Amino acid sequence: MDARAIIARIRNGSPLERTELSWFANGLADGRVSDAQAGAFAMAVLLKGLGEAGRTDLTLAMRDSGRRLDWALDGPVIDKHSTGGIGDCVSLVLAPALAACGAYVPMISGRGLGHTGGTLDKLESIPGLATQLDEAAFRDLVARAGCAIVGASAEMVPADRRLYAVRDVTATVESLDLITASILSKKLAAGLEGLVLDVKTGSGAFMKCDADARALAEALVETANAAGCRTSAVVSDMNQPVAPALGNALEVAEAMRVLKGGTHGRLGALSIDLAGEALRLGGLAEAREIGAHMVSKTLSDGSAAAHFGRMVAALGGPNDFVENWESHLPVADVIRDLPAPRTGHVVAMDGEAMGLAVIGLGGGRQVETDRVNPAVGLDRVLPLGTSVAKGDPLLRVHAASEDHADRAAARLEQAIVIGDASARIPSLIHGRLG
């Protein structure tokens, strides 16, 4: 086969055979396809699309470009994926809660992307913890703790790693077909039996409007089910942070408060909802509501926290992290309030700007080689609809220096809108599919 002929067929709107997409994915993995050809392929797919069958074929071809996992465990292998947002530390609650319910969760996660935080960066704010494991250690951790949140190995889905890097520099990230194949190829390679998807919509999400988020959710659910993995999706709100904190250690702290049975709030509510649906997909609950009740029990009785503690210790973190997490997490040098500029109500937030403010504090990467400061970020973020008097704290800034705090405050003052009347607060769940 020939890469140029495959690219030309997509450019001309002709459907591709499964074998052609398989050849191209393998060519990405082994270098037979050049960067120029990968970029041309991505642009052709962006402009012409692959259709439902072609999208599924590309997803499976990318899945099969490297190592695939299979499992022989005494419970279902299930997982969750979020399309990214701010204050989204759901995975840290959901994975151990599912494990406490008898499921196994081999969660392969990533770093921060754009204005959103990465689950691996959050976990690595725990001293000593490392998220890269070889396959044998990964399998052992899943079997012993019931859950493992780790980075992808070099052997898994090499076609996606190559194509993703090309998409990032060729203005083709937005392709629905390529987004779908990228997300699902990694999840399917993990050998899942069930997958729940959290597709974000709103100012802090990549998809700013419901229609775009729903279109992505539909593509993901259709493709994953066609590939043989029971999958459903939730379209959830990202017009304000999921947790009242943005930043690696600060989000771990919020997850620990939920795992230790604290007030649930938006973070707990979304974690319980998604985990309940995952239990339904895995056959451990007859309905999402029953699964949600099972998950709530693991948060109140401490069993979810115990599974989290076993995972943290196995990844090199402190053995007593669950009991003494506040003393282990790093603390910023400067912590100060951001005062409300006027009396009124919190009526809107620019979530993307808030996420970028955290990046500017050093809580994420502006270039790949940047070192992340795990202590910086925002916490005590007031929810939409809250009434405030002039000077009341809207949130706290955690910074490495006064200068960094000043710059973040200037950004955040523009990102949070105070109005005279309380605005309608969007519901946490905008829709469900599957």
Protein backbone atom coordinates (compact mmCIF):
# COMPACT_ATOMS: atom_id res chain seq x y z
CA MET A 1 0.00 0.00 0.00
CA ASP A 2 0.96 3.63 -0.35
CA ALA A 3 0.43 6.53 2.10
CA ARG A 4 -0.09 8.99 -0.76
CA ALA A 5 -2.90 6.92 -2.26
CA ILE A 6 -4.65 6.63 1.12
CA ILE A 7 -4.41 10.39 1.70
CA ALA A 8 -5.73 11.08 -1.80
CA ARG A 9 -8.75 8.80 -1.24
CA ILE A 10 -9.69 10.68 1.92
CA ARG A 11 -9.11 14.03 0.18
CA ASN A 12 -11.45 12.96 -2.63
CA GLY A 13 -14.15 11.78 -0.24
CA SER A 14 -13.77 8.07 -1.04
CA PRO A 15 -14.35 5.54 1.78
CA LEU A 16 -11.32 3.61 2.94
CA GLU A 17 -11.01 -0.11 3.48
CA ARG A 18 -10.24 -1.33 6.97
CA THR A 19 -6.95 -2.75 5.72
CA GLU A 20 -5.86 0.65 4.44
CA LEU A 21 -6.44 2.33 7.81
CA SER A 22 -4.65 -0.55 9.52
CA TRP A 23 -1.67 -0.13 7.21
CA PHE A 24 -1.57 3.62 7.86
CA ALA A 25 -1.77 3.20 11.65
CA ASN A 26 1.06 0.66 11.58
CA GLY A 27 3.03 3.02 9.35
CA LEU A 28 2.64 5.76 11.96
CA ALA A 29 3.89 3.36 14.62
CA ASP A 30 6.93 2.03 12.74
CA GLY A 31 7.95 5.17 10.84
CA ARG A 32 6.95 4.14 7.31
CA VAL A 33 4.61 7.15 7.28
CA SER A 34 6.49 10.47 7.35
CA ASP A 35 5.51 13.48 9.47
CA ALA A 36 4.43 15.30 6.30
CA GLN A 37 2.16 12.40 5.34
CA ALA A 38 0.76 12.18 8.86
CA GLY A 39 -0.06 15.90 8.76
CA ALA A 40 -1.70 15.58 5.33
CA PHE A 41 -3.73 12.60 6.57
CA ALA A 42 -4.91 14.55 9.63
CA MET A 43 -5.94 17.57 7.50
CA ALA A 44 -7.77 15.39 5.00
CA VAL A 45 -9.69 13.68 7.82
CA LEU A 46 -10.50 17.07 9.39
CA LEU A 47 -11.90 18.42 6.13
CA LYS A 48 -13.61 15.34 4.68
CA GLY A 49 -14.28 13.03 7.62
CA LEU A 50 -14.18 9.24 7.70
CA GLY A 51 -17.83 8.40 8.38
CA GLU A 52 -18.97 6.17 11.25
CA ALA A 53 -17.46 2.96 9.86
CA GLY A 54 -14.15 4.62 8.99
CA ARG A 55 -13.96 6.24 12.45
CA THR A 56 -14.40 2.84 14.10
CA ASP A 57 -11.86 1.22 11.77
CA LEU A 58 -9.28 3.94 12.51
CA THR A 59 -9.86 3.60 16.26
CA LEU A 60 -9.31 -0.17 16.14
CA ALA A 61 -6.30 0.18 13.85
CA MET A 62 -4.68 2.62 16.27
CA ARG A 63 -5.56 0.38 19.21
CA ASP A 64 -3.86 -2.54 17.48
CA SER A 65 -0.71 -0.56 16.57
CA GLY A 66 0.90 -1.60 19.87
CA ARG A 67 0.53 -3.72 22.99
CA ARG A 68 -2.99 -4.63 24.12
CA LEU A 69 -3.89 -5.74 27.64
CA ASP A 70 -6.23 -8.53 28.61
CA TRP A 71 -7.29 -9.52 32.11
CA ALA A 72 -8.28 -12.62 34.06
CA LEU A 73 -9.76 -11.13 37.22
CA ASP A 74 -12.73 -11.96 39.44
CA GLY A 75 -14.60 -8.74 38.65
CA PRO A 76 -15.35 -6.47 35.70
CA VAL A 77 -12.62 -4.25 34.23
CA ILE A 78 -14.15 -0.78 33.87
CA ASP A 79 -12.98 2.81 33.57
CA LYS A 80 -13.97 6.42 33.03
CA HIS A 81 -12.61 9.14 30.74
CA SER A 82 -13.10 12.91 30.94
CA THR A 83 -12.57 15.25 28.00
CA GLY A 84 -10.95 17.75 30.36
CA GLY A 85 -11.87 20.75 32.45
CA ILE A 86 -10.88 22.74 35.52
CA GLY A 87 -10.94 21.42 39.06
CA ASP A 88 -11.70 17.98 37.64
CA CYS A 89 -10.17 15.48 40.06
CA VAL A 90 -13.03 12.98 39.70
CA SER A 91 -10.66 10.14 38.75
CA LEU A 92 -9.00 10.29 42.17
CA VAL A 93 -12.36 9.59 43.82
CA LEU A 94 -13.96 7.35 41.23
CA ALA A 95 -11.19 4.76 40.70
CA PRO A 96 -10.82 3.69 44.35
CA ALA A 97 -14.58 3.83 44.90
CA LEU A 98 -15.13 1.43 41.99
CA ALA A 99 -12.41 -0.83 43.37
CA ALA A 100 -14.16 -0.86 46.74
CA CYS A 101 -17.32 -2.06 44.95
CA GLY A 102 -15.54 -5.07 43.41
CA ALA A 103 -14.49 -3.64 40.04
CA TYR A 104 -10.97 -3.36 38.62
CA VAL A 105 -9.84 -0.03 37.17
CA PRO A 106 -6.68 0.06 35.00
CA MET A 107 -6.81 3.83 34.42
CA ILE A 108 -4.22 5.05 31.92
CA SER A 109 -4.16 8.83 32.28
CA GLY A 110 -2.31 11.83 30.91
CA ARG A 111 -0.65 15.15 31.72
CA GLY A 112 -2.21 18.59 31.63
CA LEU A 113 -3.39 19.77 28.21
CA GLY A 114 -3.97 23.43 27.39
CA HIS A 115 -5.74 25.13 30.29
CA THR A 116 -6.80 21.85 31.93
CA GLY A 117 -4.97 19.88 34.59
CA GLY A 118 -3.65 16.34 34.17
CA THR A 119 -4.48 13.46 36.50
CA LEU A 120 -0.86 12.24 36.53
CA ASP A 121 0.41 15.68 37.56
CA LYS A 122 -2.13 15.76 40.39
CA LEU A 123 -1.14 12.34 41.71
CA GLU A 124 2.57 13.19 41.48
CA SER A 125 2.06 16.10 43.88
CA ILE A 126 2.09 13.34 46.53
CA PRO A 127 5.73 13.03 47.70
CA GLY A 128 7.58 10.02 46.31
CA LEU A 129 4.78 8.90 44.02
CA ALA A 130 5.67 7.92 40.42
CA THR A 131 3.10 7.02 37.78
CA GLN A 132 5.23 5.10 35.26
CA LEU A 133 5.09 1.31 35.75
CA ASP A 134 6.11 -1.60 33.61
CA GLU A 135 3.32 -3.94 32.57
CA ALA A 136 4.00 -6.55 35.23
CA ALA A 137 3.89 -3.99 38.04
CA PHE A 138 0.77 -2.40 36.54
CA ARG A 139 -1.03 -5.74 36.44
CA ASP A 140 0.02 -6.55 39.99
CA LEU A 141 -1.20 -3.19 41.29
CA VAL A 142 -4.59 -3.54 39.59
CA ALA A 143 -5.00 -7.02 41.07
CA ARG A 144 -3.94 -6.00 44.60
CA ALA A 145 -5.46 -2.52 45.01
CA GLY A 146 -8.30 -2.84 42.51
CA CYS A 147 -7.20 0.35 40.76
CA ALA A 148 -4.08 1.86 39.24
CA ILE A 149 -3.79 5.36 37.78
CA VAL A 150 -0.66 5.39 35.61
CA GLY A 151 0.88 6.79 32.44
CA ALA A 152 0.80 4.90 29.15
CA SER A 153 3.78 2.74 28.31
CA ALA A 154 5.75 3.30 25.12
CA GLU A 155 4.43 -0.02 23.80
CA MET A 156 0.75 0.98 23.94
CA VAL A 157 -0.92 2.81 21.02
CA PRO A 158 2.24 4.23 19.39
CA ALA A 159 0.19 5.35 16.37
CA ASP A 160 -1.79 7.74 18.55
CA ARG A 161 1.33 9.15 20.19
CA ARG A 162 2.76 9.98 16.78
CA LEU A 163 -0.46 11.32 15.23
CA TYR A 164 -1.33 13.39 18.31
CA ALA A 165 2.00 15.23 18.17
CA VAL A 166 1.44 16.01 14.48
CA ARG A 167 -2.14 17.18 15.05
CA ASP A 168 -0.96 19.60 17.72
CA VAL A 169 1.22 21.51 15.22
CA THR A 170 -0.97 21.24 12.10
CA ALA A 171 -4.24 22.83 13.34
CA THR A 172 -6.10 19.51 13.16
CA VAL A 173 -6.80 18.89 16.86
CA GLU A 174 -10.52 19.69 16.39
CA SER A 175 -11.33 16.76 14.08
CA LEU A 176 -14.19 14.75 15.64
CA ASP A 177 -12.93 11.55 14.01
CA LEU A 178 -9.36 12.04 15.24
CA ILE A 179 -10.44 13.06 18.76
CA THR A 180 -12.60 9.94 18.98
CA ALA A 181 -9.88 7.62 17.70
CA SER A 182 -7.27 9.16 20.00
CA ILE A 183 -9.37 8.82 23.18
CA LEU A 184 -10.79 5.39 22.49
CA SER A 185 -7.72 3.68 21.05
CA LYS A 186 -5.97 4.12 24.41
CA LYS A 187 -8.98 3.02 26.47
CA LEU A 188 -9.68 -0.01 24.28
CA ALA A 189 -6.02 -1.07 24.40
CA ALA A 190 -6.41 -1.30 28.19
CA GLY A 191 -8.79 -4.24 27.76
CA LEU A 192 -11.91 -2.62 29.23
CA GLU A 193 -15.30 -4.31 29.50
CA GLY A 194 -17.14 -1.06 30.29
CA LEU A 195 -16.41 2.65 29.92
CA VAL A 196 -18.28 5.75 31.08
CA LEU A 197 -17.39 9.02 29.35
CA ASP A 198 -17.60 12.46 30.91
CA VAL A 199 -17.85 14.97 28.07
CA LYS A 200 -17.49 18.51 29.39
CA THR A 201 -19.29 21.59 28.11
CA GLY A 202 -18.92 25.24 29.10
CA SER A 203 -16.37 27.98 29.64
CA GLY A 204 -13.81 25.71 31.28
CA ALA A 205 -14.09 22.92 28.70
CA PHE A 206 -12.63 22.44 25.23
CA MET A 207 -16.22 22.15 23.92
CA LYS A 208 -17.83 25.48 24.81
CA CYS A 209 -21.39 24.68 23.69
CA ASP A 210 -23.76 21.80 24.36
CA ALA A 211 -24.24 20.93 20.69
CA ASP A 212 -20.52 20.33 20.13
CA ALA A 213 -20.19 18.34 23.36
CA ARG A 214 -23.18 16.18 22.46
CA ALA A 215 -21.81 15.51 18.96
CA LEU A 216 -18.52 14.34 20.48
CA ALA A 217 -20.33 12.21 23.06
CA GLU A 218 -22.41 10.55 20.33
CA ALA A 219 -19.31 9.79 18.24
CA LEU A 220 -17.49 8.33 21.23
CA VAL A 221 -20.39 6.17 22.40
CA GLU A 222 -21.20 4.86 18.90
CA THR A 223 -17.56 4.04 18.16
CA ALA A 224 -16.79 2.38 21.50
CA ASN A 225 -19.90 0.22 21.38
CA ALA A 226 -19.15 -0.73 17.78
CA ALA A 227 -15.70 -1.79 18.98
CA GLY A 228 -17.27 -4.12 21.54
CA CYS A 229 -16.89 -2.08 24.75
CA ARG A 230 -20.10 -1.27 26.65
CA THR A 231 -20.04 2.52 26.80
CA SER A 232 -22.27 5.41 27.80
CA ALA A 233 -21.65 9.13 28.25
CA VAL A 234 -22.65 12.05 30.40
CA VAL A 235 -22.47 15.64 29.17
CA SER A 236 -21.52 17.57 32.31
CA ASP A 237 -21.23 21.24 33.17
CA MET A 238 -17.91 23.05 33.10
CA ASN A 239 -19.08 26.64 33.55
CA GLN A 240 -17.47 26.47 36.99
CA PRO A 241 -14.85 24.13 38.48
CA VAL A 242 -15.92 20.61 39.45
CA ALA A 243 -14.07 20.96 42.77
CA PRO A 244 -13.62 24.35 44.47
CA ALA A 245 -9.90 24.17 43.71
CA LEU A 246 -7.57 24.29 40.69
CA GLY A 247 -3.99 23.06 41.01
CA ASN A 248 -2.36 19.73 41.62
CA ALA A 249 -1.94 19.35 45.40
CA LEU A 250 -5.02 21.48 46.05
CA GLU A 251 -7.17 19.15 43.94
CA VAL A 252 -5.72 16.08 45.67
CA ALA A 253 -6.78 17.71 48.96
CA GLU A 254 -10.35 18.14 47.66
CA ALA A 255 -10.45 14.52 46.49
CA MET A 256 -9.25 13.39 49.93
CA ARG A 257 -12.03 15.35 51.64
CA VAL A 258 -14.59 13.46 49.55
CA LEU A 259 -12.84 10.10 50.05
CA LYS A 260 -12.80 10.71 53.80
CA GLY A 261 -16.57 11.17 53.82
CA GLY A 262 -16.76 14.97 53.75
CA THR A 263 -19.50 17.08 52.19
CA HIS A 264 -19.88 15.87 48.66
CA GLY A 265 -20.51 19.06 46.66
CA ARG A 266 -20.12 19.03 42.87
CA LEU A 267 -17.01 16.83 42.98
CA GLY A 268 -18.70 14.14 45.04
CA ALA A 269 -21.96 14.33 43.12
CA LEU A 270 -20.31 13.88 39.73
CA SER A 271 -17.95 11.16 40.98
CA ILE A 272 -20.87 9.20 42.47
CA ASP A 273 -22.99 9.59 39.32
CA LEU A 274 -20.26 8.47 36.93
CA ALA A 275 -19.13 5.62 39.17
CA GLY A 276 -22.72 4.42 39.56
CA GLU A 277 -23.07 4.29 35.79
CA ALA A 278 -19.74 2.47 35.46
CA LEU A 279 -20.98 -0.18 37.90
CA ARG A 280 -24.10 -0.61 35.75
CA LEU A 281 -22.01 -1.05 32.63
CA GLY A 282 -19.82 -3.58 34.44
CA GLY A 283 -22.79 -5.61 35.62
CA LEU A 284 -22.28 -4.91 39.32
CA ALA A 285 -25.45 -2.81 39.62
CA GLU A 286 -28.83 -3.18 37.90
CA ALA A 287 -29.21 0.57 37.50
CA ARG A 288 -27.09 3.71 37.80
CA GLU A 289 -28.99 4.78 40.91
CA ILE A 290 -28.21 1.48 42.65
CA GLY A 291 -24.56 1.82 41.67
CA ALA A 292 -24.50 5.38 43.00
CA HIS A 293 -25.81 4.16 46.36
CA MET A 294 -23.05 1.51 46.46
CA VAL A 295 -20.42 4.16 45.74
CA SER A 296 -21.77 6.54 48.40
CA LYS A 297 -21.40 3.78 50.95
CA THR A 298 -17.70 3.31 50.10
CA LEU A 299 -17.13 7.03 50.77
CA SER A 300 -18.89 6.95 54.13
CA ASP A 301 -17.40 3.69 55.40
CA GLY A 302 -13.79 4.46 54.40
CA SER A 303 -13.33 1.55 52.00
CA ALA A 304 -12.73 3.82 48.96
CA ALA A 305 -10.08 5.76 50.91
CA ALA A 306 -8.40 2.49 51.89
CA HIS A 307 -8.10 1.42 48.23
CA PHE A 308 -6.68 4.86 47.37
CA GLY A 309 -4.13 4.50 50.16
CA ARG A 310 -3.01 1.09 48.89
CA MET A 311 -2.56 2.50 45.39
CA VAL A 312 -0.59 5.53 46.64
CA ALA A 313 1.76 3.37 48.71
CA ALA A 314 2.34 0.93 45.84
CA LEU A 315 3.25 3.86 43.56
CA GLY A 316 5.90 5.04 46.02
CA GLY A 317 3.88 7.50 48.08
CA PRO A 318 3.64 7.59 51.89
CA ASN A 319 2.16 4.53 53.59
CA ASP A 320 0.13 6.78 55.88
CA PHE A 321 -1.11 9.20 53.21
CA VAL A 322 -4.82 8.58 53.81
CA GLU A 323 -4.42 9.17 57.55
CA ASN A 324 -2.08 12.17 57.31
CA TRP A 325 -2.59 13.61 53.83
CA GLU A 326 -2.61 17.24 54.98
CA SER A 327 0.92 16.96 56.38
CA HIS A 328 2.26 15.29 53.23
CA LEU A 329 0.99 17.64 50.51
CA PRO A 330 3.22 20.60 49.54
CA VAL A 331 2.19 24.13 50.55
CA ALA A 332 2.79 27.33 48.54
CA ASP A 333 4.97 30.13 49.91
CA VAL A 334 2.29 32.78 49.35
CA ILE A 335 -1.42 32.23 50.11
CA ARG A 336 -3.83 35.16 49.89
CA ASP A 337 -7.46 35.98 49.18
CA LEU A 338 -8.84 37.53 46.01
CA PRO A 339 -11.41 40.11 47.22
CA ALA A 340 -14.71 40.78 45.47
CA PRO A 341 -14.50 44.15 43.68
CA ARG A 342 -18.15 44.98 44.48
CA THR A 343 -21.26 43.72 46.24
CA GLY A 344 -23.45 41.37 44.24
CA HIS A 345 -23.59 37.74 43.10
CA VAL A 346 -21.08 35.50 41.34
CA VAL A 347 -22.84 35.23 37.98
CA ALA A 348 -20.20 33.87 35.58
CA MET A 349 -16.69 32.49 35.37
CA ASP A 350 -14.29 32.29 32.47
CA GLY A 351 -13.06 28.78 33.22
CA GLU A 352 -10.40 28.80 30.54
CA ALA A 353 -8.92 32.03 31.90
CA MET A 354 -8.91 30.57 35.41
CA GLY A 355 -7.08 27.49 34.16
CA LEU A 356 -4.53 29.63 32.35
CA ALA A 357 -4.00 31.65 35.54
CA VAL A 358 -2.99 28.42 37.28
CA ILE A 359 -0.62 27.61 34.40
CA GLY A 360 0.89 31.08 34.85
CA LEU A 361 1.44 30.36 38.55
CA GLY A 362 3.52 27.33 37.52
CA GLY A 363 0.80 24.73 38.08
CA GLY A 364 1.08 23.44 34.50
CA ARG A 365 3.31 23.52 31.46
CA GLN A 366 3.58 26.28 28.85
CA VAL A 367 6.19 24.22 27.01
CA GLU A 368 6.81 20.49 27.36
CA THR A 369 10.03 20.93 29.34
CA ASP A 370 8.50 23.15 32.08
CA ARG A 371 8.64 21.86 35.65
CA VAL A 372 5.29 21.86 37.44
CA ASN A 373 5.02 23.41 40.90
CA PRO A 374 2.57 21.07 42.65
CA ALA A 375 1.71 23.50 45.47
CA VAL A 376 0.35 26.45 43.48
CA GLY A 377 -3.19 27.10 42.28
CA LEU A 378 -6.54 28.29 43.59
CA ASP A 379 -8.84 27.02 46.28
CA ARG A 380 -11.98 28.04 48.18
CA VAL A 381 -13.49 29.09 44.85
CA LEU A 382 -17.01 30.37 45.50
CA PRO A 383 -19.69 28.63 43.40
CA LEU A 384 -21.90 30.41 40.90
CA GLY A 385 -24.87 32.13 42.52
CA THR A 386 -23.07 33.02 45.75
CA SER A 387 -23.87 36.48 47.14
CA VAL A 388 -20.85 38.55 48.20
CA ALA A 389 -20.13 41.90 49.77
CA LYS A 390 -17.34 44.10 48.47
CA GLY A 391 -14.06 42.76 49.83
CA ASP A 392 -15.33 39.25 50.57
CA PRO A 393 -12.90 36.55 49.35
CA LEU A 394 -13.88 35.02 46.00
CA LEU A 395 -11.07 32.44 46.24
CA ARG A 396 -7.54 31.98 47.56
CA VAL A 397 -4.43 32.25 45.38
CA HIS A 398 -1.53 29.90 46.21
CA ALA A 399 1.68 31.18 44.61
CA ALA A 400 5.45 30.80 44.69
CA SER A 401 5.98 34.56 45.11
CA GLU A 402 4.10 37.82 45.66
CA ASP A 403 4.80 38.78 42.05
CA HIS A 404 3.23 35.55 40.76
CA ALA A 405 0.24 36.13 43.03
CA ASP A 406 -0.18 39.69 41.72
CA ARG A 407 -0.21 38.55 38.10
CA ALA A 408 -2.67 35.75 38.81
CA ALA A 409 -4.98 38.10 40.71
CA ALA A 410 -5.05 40.53 37.77
CA ARG A 411 -6.15 37.69 35.46
CA LEU A 412 -8.70 36.34 37.89
CA GLU A 413 -10.32 39.72 38.50
CA GLN A 414 -11.31 39.66 34.82
CA ALA A 415 -12.36 36.01 34.87
CA ILE A 416 -15.01 36.17 37.62
CA VAL A 417 -18.10 38.31 36.96
CA ILE A 418 -20.05 39.88 39.84
CA GLY A 419 -23.60 40.98 38.91
CA ASP A 420 -26.54 42.61 40.65
CA ALA A 421 -28.89 39.64 40.40
CA SER A 422 -28.12 35.96 40.75
CA ALA A 423 -27.90 34.22 37.38
CA ARG A 424 -29.39 30.84 36.52
CA ILE A 425 -26.99 28.15 37.66
CA PRO A 426 -26.48 25.43 35.02
CA SER A 427 -27.32 21.91 36.12
CA LEU A 428 -24.38 19.58 36.74
CA ILE A 429 -25.62 17.05 34.17
CA HIS A 430 -26.68 18.45 30.78
CA GLY A 431 -27.52 15.11 29.16
CA ARG A 432 -26.90 11.36 28.93
CA LEU A 433 -26.24 9.01 26.03
CA GLY A 434 -26.21 5.24 25.90
